[in-house]
């Protein structure tokens, strides 16, 4: 299963989509854009899991595709 995460940068001015907690694959200005892209990638690479983190790096939501 592929594991993707949506995490904020240090200043919470941008959001990253990461695969397996490696280096960020993409950066987005809006959290919603990052979530949308992570879900799209996860759907294309099933089985996958998307973990969405808040500005404190706490898990807010997890989705499985």
C-alpha atoms as a PDB file:
ATOM      1  CA  UNK A   1       0.000   0.000   0.000  1.00  0.00           C
ATOM      2  CA  UNK A   2       1.285   3.440  -0.945  1.00  0.00           C
ATOM      3  CA  UNK A   3       1.156   6.025   1.828  1.00  0.00           C
ATOM      4  CA  UNK A   4       0.730   9.693   0.964  1.00  0.00           C
ATOM      5  CA  UNK A   5       0.608  12.597   3.374  1.00  0.00           C
ATOM      6  CA  UNK A   6      -0.488  16.215   3.174  1.00  0.00           C
ATOM      7  CA  UNK A   7       1.642  18.323   5.494  1.00  0.00           C
ATOM      8  CA  UNK A   8       2.274  22.043   5.965  1.00  0.00           C
ATOM      9  CA  UNK A   9       5.667  23.656   5.559  1.00  0.00           C
ATOM     10  CA  UNK A  10       7.398  25.159   8.589  1.00  0.00           C
ATOM     11  CA  UNK A  11       5.573  28.497   8.334  1.00  0.00           C
ATOM     12  CA  UNK A  12       2.239  26.978   7.227  1.00  0.00           C
ATOM     13  CA  UNK A  13       2.413  29.121   4.088  1.00  0.00           C
ATOM     14  CA  UNK A  14       2.315  26.125   1.755  1.00  0.00           C
ATOM     15  CA  UNK A  15       1.284  22.468   1.822  1.00  0.00           C
ATOM     16  CA  UNK A  16       3.236  19.443   0.620  1.00  0.00           C
ATOM     17  CA  UNK A  17       2.133  16.134  -0.814  1.00  0.00           C
ATOM     18  CA  UNK A  18       4.631  13.452   0.211  1.00  0.00           C
ATOM     19  CA  UNK A  19       4.989   9.767  -0.642  1.00  0.00           C
ATOM     20  CA  UNK A  20       6.061   7.525   2.245  1.00  0.00           C
ATOM     21  CA  UNK A  21       7.312  10.593   4.213  1.00  0.00           C
ATOM     22  CA  UNK A  22      10.161  11.086   1.763  1.00  0.00           C
ATOM     23  CA  UNK A  23      11.002  14.409   0.161  1.00  0.00           C
ATOM     24  CA  UNK A  24       7.898  16.364  -0.897  1.00  0.00           C
ATOM     25  CA  UNK A  25       6.662  15.615  -4.394  1.00  0.00           C
ATOM     26  CA  UNK A  26       4.603  18.776  -4.859  1.00  0.00           C
ATOM     27  CA  UNK A  27       3.969  22.079  -3.061  1.00  0.00           C
ATOM     28  CA  UNK A  28       0.620  23.889  -3.036  1.00  0.00           C
ATOM     29  CA  UNK A  29      -0.413  27.287  -1.706  1.00  0.00           C
ATOM     30  CA  UNK A  30      -3.771  25.984  -0.461  1.00  0.00           C
ATOM     31  CA  UNK A  31      -4.400  22.975   1.758  1.00  0.00           C
ATOM     32  CA  UNK A  32      -7.487  22.001  -0.272  1.00  0.00           C
ATOM     33  CA  UNK A  33      -5.427  21.898  -3.475  1.00  0.00           C
ATOM     34  CA  UNK A  34      -2.859  19.632  -1.819  1.00  0.00           C
ATOM     35  CA  UNK A  35      -5.574  17.294  -0.512  1.00  0.00           C
ATOM     36  CA  UNK A  36      -7.232  17.136  -3.926  1.00  0.00           C
ATOM     37  CA  UNK A  37      -3.943  16.236  -5.620  1.00  0.00           C
ATOM     38  CA  UNK A  38      -3.023  13.636  -2.982  1.00  0.00           C
ATOM     39  CA  UNK A  39      -6.420  11.971  -3.398  1.00  0.00           C
ATOM     40  CA  UNK A  40      -6.052  11.973  -7.181  1.00  0.00           C
ATOM     41  CA  UNK A  41      -2.604  10.346  -6.972  1.00  0.00           C
ATOM     42  CA  UNK A  42      -3.858   7.805  -4.424  1.00  0.00           C
ATOM     43  CA  UNK A  43      -6.803   6.827  -6.640  1.00  0.00           C
ATOM     44  CA  UNK A  44      -4.401   6.267  -9.543  1.00  0.00           C
ATOM     45  CA  UNK A  45      -2.127   4.077  -7.399  1.00  0.00           C
ATOM     46  CA  UNK A  46      -4.491   1.833  -5.442  1.00  0.00           C
ATOM     47  CA  UNK A  47      -4.247   0.536  -2.812  1.00  0.00           C
ATOM     48  CA  UNK A  48      -3.238   3.792  -1.167  1.00  0.00           C
ATOM     49  CA  UNK A  49      -3.744   5.750   2.013  1.00  0.00           C
ATOM     50  CA  UNK A  50      -3.788   9.548   2.384  1.00  0.00           C
ATOM     51  CA  UNK A  51      -3.039  11.047   5.783  1.00  0.00           C
ATOM     52  CA  UNK A  52      -3.898  14.719   6.280  1.00  0.00           C
ATOM     53  CA  UNK A  53      -2.025  16.596   8.993  1.00  0.00           C
ATOM     54  CA  UNK A  54      -2.758  19.973  10.585  1.00  0.00           C
ATOM     55  CA  UNK A  55      -0.304  22.791  11.274  1.00  0.00           C
ATOM     56  CA  UNK A  56       0.814  20.988  14.446  1.00  0.00           C
ATOM     57  CA  UNK A  57       1.508  17.801  12.432  1.00  0.00           C
ATOM     58  CA  UNK A  58      -1.338  15.981  14.159  1.00  0.00           C
ATOM     59  CA  UNK A  59      -3.412  13.568  12.066  1.00  0.00           C
ATOM     60  CA  UNK A  60      -6.724  15.166  11.130  1.00  0.00           C
ATOM     61  CA  UNK A  61      -8.030  12.585   8.687  1.00  0.00           C
ATOM     62  CA  UNK A  62      -7.039   9.381   6.914  1.00  0.00           C
ATOM     63  CA  UNK A  63      -8.555   8.099   3.681  1.00  0.00           C
ATOM     64  CA  UNK A  64      -8.022   4.743   2.012  1.00  0.00           C
ATOM     65  CA  UNK A  65      -8.359   4.217  -1.708  1.00  0.00           C
END
